Structures are given as C-alpha cells and as structure tokens.
Protein backbone atom coordinates (compact mmCIF):
# COMPACT_ATOMS: atom_id res chain seq x y z
CA MET A 1 -27.43 -38.19 -59.86
CA GLU A 2 -26.52 -35.03 -58.01
CA PHE A 3 -28.69 -31.94 -57.99
CA PRO A 4 -26.89 -28.74 -59.15
CA ALA A 5 -28.27 -26.73 -56.25
CA ALA A 6 -26.88 -29.21 -53.73
CA SER A 7 -23.45 -29.13 -55.40
CA ALA A 8 -23.30 -25.34 -55.30
CA HIS A 9 -24.35 -25.26 -51.64
CA ARG A 10 -21.73 -27.85 -50.68
CA GLY A 11 -18.97 -25.71 -52.20
CA LEU A 12 -19.89 -22.78 -49.95
CA VAL A 13 -19.67 -24.70 -46.67
CA PRO A 14 -15.85 -24.50 -46.20
CA TRP A 15 -15.91 -20.75 -46.82
CA LEU A 16 -18.68 -20.24 -44.28
CA GLY A 17 -16.70 -22.21 -41.72
CA LEU A 18 -13.59 -20.11 -42.38
CA LEU A 19 -15.53 -16.86 -42.03
CA LEU A 20 -17.05 -18.07 -38.78
CA ALA A 21 -13.62 -18.96 -37.39
CA VAL A 22 -12.22 -15.53 -38.32
CA PHE A 23 -15.22 -13.87 -36.68
CA LEU A 24 -14.76 -15.81 -33.44
CA LEU A 25 -11.02 -15.14 -33.32
CA ALA A 26 -11.65 -11.41 -33.71
CA PHE A 27 -13.83 -11.31 -30.61
CA TRP A 28 -12.23 -14.01 -28.45
CA ILE A 29 -9.75 -12.81 -25.82
CA PRO A 30 -7.64 -15.58 -24.29
CA PRO A 31 -7.93 -15.80 -20.49
CA THR A 32 -4.99 -14.36 -18.55
CA THR A 33 -3.25 -16.47 -15.94
CA ALA A 34 -3.33 -14.92 -12.47
CA GLN A 35 0.19 -13.95 -11.47
CA PHE A 36 1.92 -15.54 -8.50
CA ALA A 37 2.83 -12.65 -6.17
CA ILE A 38 3.42 -11.52 -2.58
CA ASP A 39 0.94 -9.00 -1.18
CA SER A 40 2.80 -5.77 -0.45
CA THR A 41 2.40 -4.67 3.17
CA ASN A 42 2.76 -1.56 5.35
CA ALA A 43 3.63 -2.08 9.02
CA ALA A 44 4.55 -0.11 12.12
CA GLU A 45 7.89 -0.63 13.82
CA GLY A 46 7.58 -3.46 16.36
CA ASP A 47 4.59 -5.14 14.68
CA ILE A 48 4.26 -8.77 13.67
CA VAL A 49 4.09 -8.87 9.88
CA VAL A 50 2.54 -11.61 7.78
CA LEU A 51 3.64 -11.66 4.14
CA ARG A 52 1.15 -13.70 2.11
CA THR A 53 1.35 -15.07 -1.39
CA ARG A 54 -1.57 -15.03 -3.79
CA ASN A 55 -2.31 -17.21 -6.81
CA THR A 56 0.01 -19.80 -5.29
CA PRO A 57 0.69 -22.74 -7.61
CA PRO A 58 -0.52 -26.19 -6.50
CA ASN A 59 1.69 -29.06 -5.37
CA VAL A 60 4.42 -26.95 -3.78
CA ALA A 61 7.19 -29.06 -2.24
CA ARG A 62 8.92 -26.11 -0.54
CA PHE A 63 9.00 -22.33 -0.29
CA MET A 64 12.32 -20.47 -0.29
CA TRP A 65 12.31 -16.86 1.02
CA TYR A 66 14.83 -14.11 0.26
CA ARG A 67 15.27 -10.59 1.66
CA SER A 68 15.84 -9.04 -1.77
CA GLU A 69 14.79 -9.46 -5.37
CA LYS A 70 18.12 -11.20 -5.95
CA THR A 71 17.94 -14.85 -5.01
CA ILE A 72 21.56 -15.22 -3.95
CA TYR A 73 22.78 -17.07 -0.88
CA ASN A 74 23.57 -13.96 1.18
CA ASN A 75 19.92 -12.85 0.86
CA PHE A 76 18.50 -16.26 1.76
CA ILE A 77 16.24 -16.22 4.86
CA LEU A 78 14.85 -19.75 5.10
CA TYR A 79 12.89 -22.43 3.36
CA VAL A 80 10.26 -24.82 4.59
CA THR A 81 9.55 -28.24 3.05
CA HIS A 82 6.42 -30.35 2.85
CA LEU A 83 7.89 -32.32 5.76
CA ARG A 84 7.73 -29.07 7.80
CA ARG A 85 11.48 -28.86 8.06
CA TYR A 86 13.18 -25.49 8.26
CA TYR A 87 16.53 -24.53 6.81
CA THR A 88 17.89 -21.05 7.49
CA GLY A 89 20.40 -18.84 5.69
CA PRO A 90 22.54 -15.72 6.23
CA ALA A 91 19.54 -13.32 6.14
CA TYR A 92 17.71 -15.19 8.92
CA SER A 93 17.50 -13.05 12.08
CA GLY A 94 15.66 -15.46 14.37
CA ARG A 95 12.42 -13.47 13.99
CA GLU A 96 11.14 -15.24 10.85
CA GLY A 97 8.91 -18.24 10.36
CA ALA A 98 7.14 -19.76 7.35
CA ASN A 99 4.65 -22.44 6.35
CA LEU A 100 3.53 -24.30 3.24
CA LYS A 101 0.55 -21.97 2.76
CA GLY A 102 2.94 -19.42 1.27
CA ILE A 103 3.25 -17.27 4.40
CA LEU A 104 6.33 -15.62 5.91
CA ILE A 105 5.98 -14.22 9.44
CA ILE A 106 8.39 -11.59 10.76
CA LYS A 107 8.19 -10.64 14.45
CA ASN A 108 9.13 -7.26 15.90
CA VAL A 109 9.85 -5.66 12.52
CA THR A 110 12.36 -2.84 12.27
CA LEU A 111 12.96 -0.08 9.75
CA GLN A 112 15.78 -2.21 8.33
CA ASP A 113 13.22 -4.86 7.33
CA THR A 114 11.86 -2.50 4.68
CA GLY A 115 12.45 -3.73 1.14
CA ILE A 116 11.56 -6.25 -1.53
CA TYR A 117 11.00 -9.88 -0.58
CA THR A 118 11.17 -12.84 -2.95
CA VAL A 119 9.70 -16.30 -2.58
CA VAL A 120 10.56 -19.24 -4.81
CA ALA A 121 7.98 -22.02 -4.93
CA VAL A 122 9.55 -25.35 -5.82
CA LEU A 123 6.90 -27.68 -7.23
CA ARG A 124 6.74 -31.46 -6.92
CA ASN A 125 7.88 -31.76 -10.56
CA SER A 126 10.96 -29.66 -9.66
CA LYS A 127 9.71 -26.64 -11.60
CA LYS A 128 10.13 -23.27 -9.90
CA GLU A 129 7.93 -20.18 -9.76
CA ARG A 130 9.03 -16.86 -8.32
CA ALA A 131 7.05 -14.03 -6.69
CA PHE A 132 7.93 -10.57 -5.35
CA GLY A 133 6.41 -8.17 -2.82
CA GLN A 134 7.27 -4.99 -0.93
CA LEU A 135 7.35 -4.50 2.85
CA ASN A 136 7.38 -0.92 4.16
CA VAL A 137 8.04 -0.36 7.87
CA TYR A 138 7.31 3.03 9.47
CA ARG A 139 7.71 4.59 12.89
CA ARG A 140 4.41 5.51 14.52
CA VAL A 141 3.91 9.26 14.42
CA SER A 142 4.40 11.14 17.69
CA VAL A 143 2.04 13.75 19.11
CA PRO A 144 2.55 17.05 17.24
CA THR A 145 2.85 20.43 18.96
CA LEU A 146 0.63 23.26 17.73
CA LEU A 147 1.96 26.79 18.27
CA ALA A 148 0.08 30.04 17.59
CA SER A 149 1.52 33.51 17.12
CA SER A 150 -1.37 34.73 19.27
CA THR A 151 -4.45 33.15 20.84
CA THR A 152 -6.30 36.47 21.15
CA ALA A 153 -6.89 38.65 18.09
CA THR A 154 -8.97 41.64 17.04
CA GLU A 155 -11.48 41.13 14.25
CA LYS A 156 -10.60 42.53 10.81
CA LYS A 157 -7.31 43.85 12.18
CA ASP A 158 -4.97 41.12 13.35
CA ALA A 159 -3.43 38.10 11.62
CA VAL A 160 -2.73 34.78 13.32
CA VAL A 161 -0.16 32.20 12.29
CA MET A 162 -0.37 28.63 13.58
CA THR A 163 2.45 26.14 13.14
CA CYS A 164 2.27 22.37 13.51
CA GLN A 165 5.59 20.98 14.68
CA THR A 166 5.97 17.44 13.35
CA ASN A 167 8.08 15.18 11.18
CA ALA A 168 5.09 13.22 9.87
CA SER A 169 4.56 12.91 6.12
CA SER A 170 0.98 14.21 6.16
CA THR A 171 -0.64 17.11 8.05
CA ASN A 172 -4.31 18.10 8.16
CA TRP A 173 -6.15 20.73 10.15
CA LEU A 174 -9.19 20.52 12.42
CA PHE A 175 -11.49 23.29 13.61
CA ASN A 176 -13.77 22.44 16.54
CA ALA A 177 -12.94 18.74 16.05
CA GLU A 178 -13.98 18.76 12.35
CA SER A 179 -12.00 19.16 9.14
CA LEU A 180 -11.09 22.79 8.62
CA ARG A 181 -12.80 24.42 5.65
CA LEU A 182 -10.37 26.95 4.24
CA ARG A 183 -11.72 30.43 3.64
CA LYS A 184 -10.26 33.05 1.32
CA ARG A 185 -8.49 34.65 4.27
CA MET A 186 -6.71 31.40 5.15
CA LYS A 187 -3.53 30.10 3.59
CA LEU A 188 -1.58 26.89 4.10
CA SER A 189 2.15 26.51 3.54
CA GLN A 190 3.36 24.12 0.88
CA ASP A 191 3.96 21.35 3.46
CA ASN A 192 0.59 22.07 5.17
CA ARG A 193 2.31 22.68 8.51
CA THR A 194 1.63 26.40 8.76
CA LEU A 195 -1.83 28.00 8.74
CA THR A 196 -2.17 31.77 8.29
CA ILE A 197 -5.45 33.62 8.93
CA ASN A 198 -5.33 37.22 7.70
CA PRO A 199 -7.33 39.03 8.89
CA VAL A 200 -9.25 37.11 11.53
CA ARG A 201 -13.04 37.27 11.78
CA ARG A 202 -15.52 36.27 14.44
CA ALA A 203 -16.23 33.03 12.61
CA ASP A 204 -12.59 32.01 13.13
CA ALA A 205 -12.95 31.84 16.93
CA GLY A 206 -12.73 28.28 18.26
CA ASN A 207 -10.42 25.32 18.82
CA TYR A 208 -7.72 24.43 16.28
CA GLN A 209 -5.76 21.19 16.00
CA CYS A 210 -3.37 19.63 13.53
CA LYS A 211 -3.66 15.94 12.74
CA VAL A 212 -0.57 14.16 11.47
CA SER A 213 -0.34 10.71 9.90
CA ASN A 214 1.67 8.21 7.92
CA PRO A 215 0.54 4.95 6.28
CA VAL A 216 0.32 3.11 9.64
CA SER A 217 -0.70 5.68 12.28
CA SER A 218 -2.27 9.08 12.97
CA ILE A 219 -2.63 11.38 15.99
CA GLU A 220 -3.92 14.86 16.81
CA SER A 221 -2.32 17.75 18.66
CA ALA A 222 -3.77 19.27 21.80
CA PRO A 223 -6.31 21.97 20.85
CA VAL A 224 -5.37 25.65 20.75
CA LYS A 225 -8.25 28.03 21.40
CA LEU A 226 -8.43 31.23 19.39
CA ASP A 227 -10.45 34.12 20.85
CA VAL A 228 -11.53 36.93 18.58
CA LYS A 229 -12.41 40.34 20.00
CA TYR A 230 -14.73 42.70 18.18
C-alpha cells in the first residue's frame, strides 16, 4: 500500500531536478581555453631578440616559423624537430635559431625584421596549432639639441622660445632635472618640441632640458640655463 503523501512527493522530484539544472546552467560559465600565441616584442636595432610562445600545446613534434602571417614557402624561416634537427627556408638569414620550447632567437635585428611572425606547432598526433606575434624594431634615439631664442631675459617683459631638435616620437621637458610643471604663461607646441614662456618671471630661471624617447630608449639634451633679470 502506498501513502498518498509519498506519491505526491515523488511526482515533484523530476521537476525539482530540472529547476536545479536550469539554475546551475544560468550561473555556470564554461572555462575558456588559453590561446596559443607569441609574445609581441619591442627591440632596439642590433639587439638579440627572443620570441617566446605562451600556452604552448603539449607533445610538440616540431615548430615551424614564418616571417609573416601567411604560412607560404617564401616566408618560411626554419623548423626544428624533436630530434633537434634544423631545416631552413627562403626567409632564413643566418641570424635565426629555435628550440622545442617554442622560442625563436634572432641576432642583430634590423628595422627590416619588424613585422608579424607565425609559428606552427605540429603535434605528435599530426594535428597543427598556429600562433601569431608582432616584433617591432626601433633605432635608439640620438641626443637631442636644445636651442633657446635667448638665455637672458627681463622679467615680465621678454618672451623665450626653446626648441628641441629631434626625430624621436616622444618629447618631454625637464626643469632643474625634474619634470617641468607648466604654468599659465607656458605653452607647448602640438608635437611638444617647442616651449614658449611669455612673459618670463623670476621663478622661470634655471636649467632646461628636453628628454626624448621611443619604446626602447630615452636620452636627455644638454641643459640650457635661463637667467632672468629683474
């Protein structure tokens, strides 16, 4: 004999299970697989560059490197096998080396080495995975020249214009070896290479420098001393 209460309770169980499943699906986010990639790198001309892969798949039989995102024969640099054998292609310059840790080494890099690099990991089961990364090669910045329209000025009367001569991508200004704090009387050109002080005050007297930089280097100009008479 079956109790009515037990029968009613048993009929609710499947519905409770379904509701619980819907609830869990609403809040469960599936884990994302880390993407196989090459770490993008900035380097100075003449450096030794190491391009590294991350999230490298296991059981790699060989790595094939290309100097482009297109994996065609003309862009092929080299590949290395698990037997540590090297095979080179048309894009090999004699400056490259690789290993089975997913690393490509390029010696004495040039501006022409800038671009996208591709690596194809061939697994033991013959499956292939592909990764991309960017190498940017820059010239080290040269010492800038700081010119001033005048190094002696009269307070509240004269204006002084200083110009930083450089081809660097970034220019900043120093006053007495510290970052210059712009006052209302100071104005920078759009490219930051020209500083105008109009009119000068006693507080403006001191040593000025421009500091230029790019992603791989930075250097300061020789100081220019501004004297203010009052």
